[in-house]
Amino acid sequence: ILAELHAREIPILLMGMRAPPNMGPKYQAEFDAIYPALARQFDARLVPFFQAPVYDRPALLQADHVHPTSQGVAALVAATADDVTGALPPAK
């Protein structure tokens, strides 16, 4: 998908993730390097860890402690709205 968007010169905003620490330091280091590398490769803007506003706020996460609640989604949207707006091409 990234290659196709890049080839078509469509702006890319990559919403990065981080590995959970319980996967071990080697896995975590390798996983955490993926999104920055993809952003460089495809000249994409990057939000390094889009769940940063909610990951450490249990009230904004569902019982699985991973997925945001509706309030968590609202927090994610609010935190990344400027990134999304900045990645859009200028209006014609």
N, C-alpha and C. Protein backbone atom coordinates (compact mmCIF):
# COMPACT_ATOMS: atom_id res chain seq x y z
N ILE A 1 0.84 -1.19 0.00
CA ILE A 1 0.00 0.00 0.00
C ILE A 1 0.88 1.25 0.00
N LEU A 2 1.89 1.25 0.86
CA LEU A 2 2.77 2.42 0.93
C LEU A 2 3.49 2.65 -0.40
N ALA A 3 3.95 1.58 -1.03
CA ALA A 3 4.64 1.72 -2.31
C ALA A 3 3.71 2.31 -3.37
N GLU A 4 2.48 1.86 -3.38
CA GLU A 4 1.52 2.36 -4.37
C GLU A 4 1.20 3.83 -4.11
N LEU A 5 0.96 4.20 -2.88
CA LEU A 5 0.70 5.60 -2.55
C LEU A 5 1.89 6.47 -2.93
N HIS A 6 3.08 6.02 -2.59
CA HIS A 6 4.29 6.77 -2.91
C HIS A 6 4.45 6.92 -4.43
N ALA A 7 4.23 5.84 -5.16
CA ALA A 7 4.35 5.89 -6.62
C ALA A 7 3.35 6.87 -7.24
N ARG A 8 2.20 6.99 -6.64
CA ARG A 8 1.17 7.91 -7.14
C ARG A 8 1.32 9.32 -6.58
N GLU A 9 2.36 9.53 -5.77
CA GLU A 9 2.63 10.82 -5.15
C GLU A 9 1.46 11.29 -4.28
N ILE A 10 0.86 10.33 -3.58
CA ILE A 10 -0.21 10.62 -2.64
C ILE A 10 0.43 10.76 -1.26
N PRO A 11 0.18 11.87 -0.57
CA PRO A 11 0.79 12.06 0.75
C PRO A 11 0.42 10.91 1.70
N ILE A 12 1.40 10.52 2.49
CA ILE A 12 1.23 9.40 3.42
C ILE A 12 1.44 9.89 4.84
N LEU A 13 0.52 9.54 5.72
CA LEU A 13 0.69 9.73 7.14
C LEU A 13 0.64 8.36 7.78
N LEU A 14 1.73 7.94 8.33
CA LEU A 14 1.85 6.61 8.92
C LEU A 14 1.63 6.73 10.43
N MET A 15 0.66 5.99 10.93
CA MET A 15 0.34 6.00 12.35
C MET A 15 1.08 4.84 13.01
N GLY A 16 2.19 5.17 13.64
CA GLY A 16 3.08 4.16 14.18
C GLY A 16 2.58 3.51 15.47
N MET A 17 3.11 2.34 15.69
CA MET A 17 2.83 1.56 16.90
C MET A 17 4.16 1.21 17.55
N ARG A 18 4.09 0.79 18.80
CA ARG A 18 5.25 0.27 19.50
C ARG A 18 4.93 -1.13 20.00
N ALA A 19 5.94 -1.93 20.10
CA ALA A 19 5.76 -3.30 20.58
C ALA A 19 5.50 -3.28 22.08
N PRO A 20 4.70 -4.21 22.56
CA PRO A 20 4.51 -4.31 24.00
C PRO A 20 5.81 -4.81 24.65
N PRO A 21 6.15 -4.28 25.83
CA PRO A 21 7.42 -4.66 26.45
C PRO A 21 7.51 -6.13 26.85
N ASN A 22 6.39 -6.80 26.99
CA ASN A 22 6.42 -8.21 27.41
C ASN A 22 6.90 -9.14 26.30
N MET A 23 7.15 -8.62 25.11
CA MET A 23 7.62 -9.45 24.00
C MET A 23 9.14 -9.63 24.03
N GLY A 24 9.81 -8.93 24.91
CA GLY A 24 11.27 -9.06 25.02
C GLY A 24 11.97 -7.92 24.32
N PRO A 25 13.18 -7.58 24.78
CA PRO A 25 13.88 -6.42 24.24
C PRO A 25 14.29 -6.55 22.77
N LYS A 26 14.67 -7.73 22.33
CA LYS A 26 15.07 -7.90 20.92
C LYS A 26 13.88 -7.67 20.01
N TYR A 27 12.76 -8.31 20.30
CA TYR A 27 11.55 -8.13 19.50
C TYR A 27 11.12 -6.67 19.54
N GLN A 28 11.13 -6.10 20.72
CA GLN A 28 10.69 -4.71 20.88
C GLN A 28 11.55 -3.77 20.04
N ALA A 29 12.86 -3.93 20.07
CA ALA A 29 13.76 -3.07 19.30
C ALA A 29 13.53 -3.23 17.81
N GLU A 30 13.37 -4.46 17.35
CA GLU A 30 13.14 -4.70 15.92
C GLU A 30 11.79 -4.15 15.48
N PHE A 31 10.76 -4.39 16.27
CA PHE A 31 9.42 -3.91 15.91
C PHE A 31 9.39 -2.38 15.92
N ASP A 32 9.93 -1.78 16.98
CA ASP A 32 9.87 -0.32 17.11
C ASP A 32 10.61 0.40 15.99
N ALA A 33 11.51 -0.27 15.31
CA ALA A 33 12.25 0.34 14.20
C ALA A 33 11.48 0.31 12.88
N ILE A 34 10.43 -0.48 12.81
CA ILE A 34 9.72 -0.67 11.54
C ILE A 34 9.08 0.62 11.04
N TYR A 35 8.31 1.29 11.87
CA TYR A 35 7.57 2.46 11.39
C TYR A 35 8.48 3.62 10.99
N PRO A 36 9.51 3.96 11.76
CA PRO A 36 10.43 5.00 11.29
C PRO A 36 11.11 4.63 9.97
N ALA A 37 11.47 3.37 9.82
CA ALA A 37 12.11 2.93 8.57
C ALA A 37 11.16 3.06 7.39
N LEU A 38 9.91 2.65 7.58
CA LEU A 38 8.92 2.78 6.51
C LEU A 38 8.68 4.24 6.16
N ALA A 39 8.62 5.09 7.17
CA ALA A 39 8.41 6.52 6.91
C ALA A 39 9.55 7.09 6.06
N ARG A 40 10.78 6.71 6.41
CA ARG A 40 11.93 7.18 5.61
C ARG A 40 11.86 6.62 4.19
N GLN A 41 11.59 5.33 4.07
CA GLN A 41 11.59 4.67 2.77
C GLN A 41 10.57 5.28 1.82
N PHE A 42 9.39 5.63 2.36
CA PHE A 42 8.31 6.10 1.50
C PHE A 42 8.02 7.58 1.67
N ASP A 43 8.96 8.31 2.26
CA ASP A 43 8.84 9.76 2.43
C ASP A 43 7.49 10.11 3.07
N ALA A 44 7.16 9.40 4.13
CA ALA A 44 5.87 9.58 4.79
C ALA A 44 6.05 10.39 6.07
N ARG A 45 5.01 11.10 6.43
CA ARG A 45 4.96 11.71 7.76
C ARG A 45 4.69 10.58 8.74
N LEU A 46 5.16 10.76 9.96
CA LEU A 46 5.02 9.70 10.95
C LEU A 46 4.53 10.25 12.28
N VAL A 47 3.50 9.64 12.80
CA VAL A 47 3.13 9.79 14.20
C VAL A 47 3.75 8.57 14.87
N PRO A 48 4.84 8.74 15.62
CA PRO A 48 5.61 7.58 16.10
C PRO A 48 4.81 6.55 16.88
N PHE A 49 3.91 7.00 17.75
CA PHE A 49 3.10 6.08 18.56
C PHE A 49 1.74 6.71 18.75
N PHE A 50 0.83 6.41 17.84
CA PHE A 50 -0.44 7.11 17.85
C PHE A 50 -1.28 6.82 19.08
N GLN A 51 -0.98 5.76 19.81
CA GLN A 51 -1.74 5.46 21.03
C GLN A 51 -1.15 6.13 22.27
N ALA A 52 -0.16 6.98 22.10
CA ALA A 52 0.47 7.65 23.24
C ALA A 52 -0.54 8.34 24.16
N PRO A 53 -1.58 8.98 23.62
CA PRO A 53 -2.51 9.67 24.53
C PRO A 53 -3.35 8.74 25.42
N VAL A 54 -3.37 7.44 25.12
CA VAL A 54 -4.27 6.56 25.88
C VAL A 54 -3.60 5.33 26.51
N TYR A 55 -2.43 4.95 26.05
CA TYR A 55 -1.88 3.65 26.45
C TYR A 55 -1.68 3.52 27.95
N ASP A 56 -1.43 4.63 28.63
CA ASP A 56 -1.20 4.58 30.07
C ASP A 56 -2.36 5.17 30.88
N ARG A 57 -3.52 5.21 30.24
CA ARG A 57 -4.72 5.74 30.90
C ARG A 57 -5.81 4.67 30.89
N PRO A 58 -5.84 3.81 31.88
CA PRO A 58 -6.77 2.67 31.90
C PRO A 58 -8.22 3.03 31.65
N ALA A 59 -8.64 4.21 32.08
CA ALA A 59 -10.04 4.61 31.88
C ALA A 59 -10.38 4.79 30.41
N LEU A 60 -9.36 4.96 29.57
CA LEU A 60 -9.59 5.16 28.14
C LEU A 60 -9.37 3.89 27.33
N LEU A 61 -9.14 2.76 28.02
CA LEU A 61 -8.90 1.49 27.34
C LEU A 61 -9.98 0.48 27.72
N GLN A 62 -10.26 -0.41 26.76
CA GLN A 62 -11.19 -1.48 27.02
C GLN A 62 -10.56 -2.49 27.97
N ALA A 63 -11.32 -3.48 28.36
CA ALA A 63 -10.87 -4.48 29.33
C ALA A 63 -9.62 -5.23 28.88
N ASP A 64 -9.35 -5.28 27.56
CA ASP A 64 -8.15 -5.97 27.07
C ASP A 64 -6.88 -5.15 27.28
N HIS A 65 -7.02 -3.92 27.74
CA HIS A 65 -5.89 -3.01 28.02
C HIS A 65 -5.11 -2.65 26.76
N VAL A 66 -5.70 -2.84 25.60
CA VAL A 66 -5.04 -2.54 24.33
C VAL A 66 -5.88 -1.57 23.51
N HIS A 67 -7.13 -1.90 23.32
CA HIS A 67 -8.00 -1.13 22.43
C HIS A 67 -8.71 -0.01 23.19
N PRO A 68 -8.76 1.17 22.57
CA PRO A 68 -9.38 2.30 23.26
C PRO A 68 -10.90 2.18 23.33
N THR A 69 -11.45 2.80 24.36
CA THR A 69 -12.90 2.96 24.47
C THR A 69 -13.32 4.08 23.51
N SER A 70 -14.60 4.37 23.46
CA SER A 70 -15.04 5.47 22.60
C SER A 70 -14.43 6.79 23.06
N GLN A 71 -14.28 6.96 24.36
CA GLN A 71 -13.61 8.17 24.87
C GLN A 71 -12.12 8.16 24.49
N GLY A 72 -11.52 6.98 24.49
CA GLY A 72 -10.13 6.85 24.07
C GLY A 72 -9.95 7.19 22.60
N VAL A 73 -10.89 6.74 21.78
CA VAL A 73 -10.83 7.07 20.35
C VAL A 73 -10.92 8.59 20.18
N ALA A 74 -11.81 9.21 20.92
CA ALA A 74 -11.93 10.67 20.84
C ALA A 74 -10.60 11.34 21.22
N ALA A 75 -9.93 10.81 22.24
CA ALA A 75 -8.63 11.35 22.65
C ALA A 75 -7.58 11.16 21.55
N LEU A 76 -7.60 10.00 20.90
CA LEU A 76 -6.65 9.73 19.81
C LEU A 76 -6.89 10.68 18.64
N VAL A 77 -8.15 10.86 18.30
CA VAL A 77 -8.50 11.76 17.19
C VAL A 77 -8.04 13.19 17.52
N ALA A 78 -8.35 13.64 18.72
CA ALA A 78 -7.96 14.99 19.12
C ALA A 78 -6.44 15.17 19.08
N ALA A 79 -5.72 14.15 19.52
CA ALA A 79 -4.26 14.24 19.58
C ALA A 79 -3.60 14.20 18.21
N THR A 80 -4.25 13.61 17.22
CA THR A 80 -3.63 13.45 15.90
C THR A 80 -4.28 14.30 14.82
N ALA A 81 -5.29 15.08 15.15
CA ALA A 81 -6.01 15.87 14.14
C ALA A 81 -5.06 16.80 13.39
N ASP A 82 -4.16 17.46 14.10
CA ASP A 82 -3.23 18.37 13.42
C ASP A 82 -2.28 17.61 12.50
N ASP A 83 -1.87 16.40 12.89
CA ASP A 83 -1.01 15.58 12.03
C ASP A 83 -1.74 15.23 10.74
N VAL A 84 -3.00 14.83 10.87
CA VAL A 84 -3.80 14.47 9.70
C VAL A 84 -4.00 15.68 8.81
N THR A 85 -4.38 16.78 9.40
CA THR A 85 -4.58 18.01 8.62
C THR A 85 -3.30 18.42 7.91
N GLY A 86 -2.18 18.33 8.60
CA GLY A 86 -0.90 18.69 8.01
C GLY A 86 -0.45 17.80 6.88
N ALA A 87 -0.95 16.57 6.85
CA ALA A 87 -0.57 15.62 5.81
C ALA A 87 -1.43 15.75 4.55
N LEU A 88 -2.54 16.47 4.66
CA LEU A 88 -3.41 16.63 3.50
C LEU A 88 -2.78 17.56 2.48
N PRO A 89 -3.02 17.28 1.20
CA PRO A 89 -2.50 18.20 0.19
C PRO A 89 -3.24 19.53 0.27
N PRO A 90 -2.62 20.60 -0.19
CA PRO A 90 -3.28 21.90 -0.15
C PRO A 90 -4.57 21.88 -0.99
N ALA A 91 -5.55 22.63 -0.54
CA ALA A 91 -6.81 22.74 -1.28
C ALA A 91 -6.54 23.45 -2.61
N LYS A 92 -7.25 23.02 -3.62
CA LYS A 92 -7.06 23.64 -4.95
C LYS A 92 -8.08 24.72 -5.18
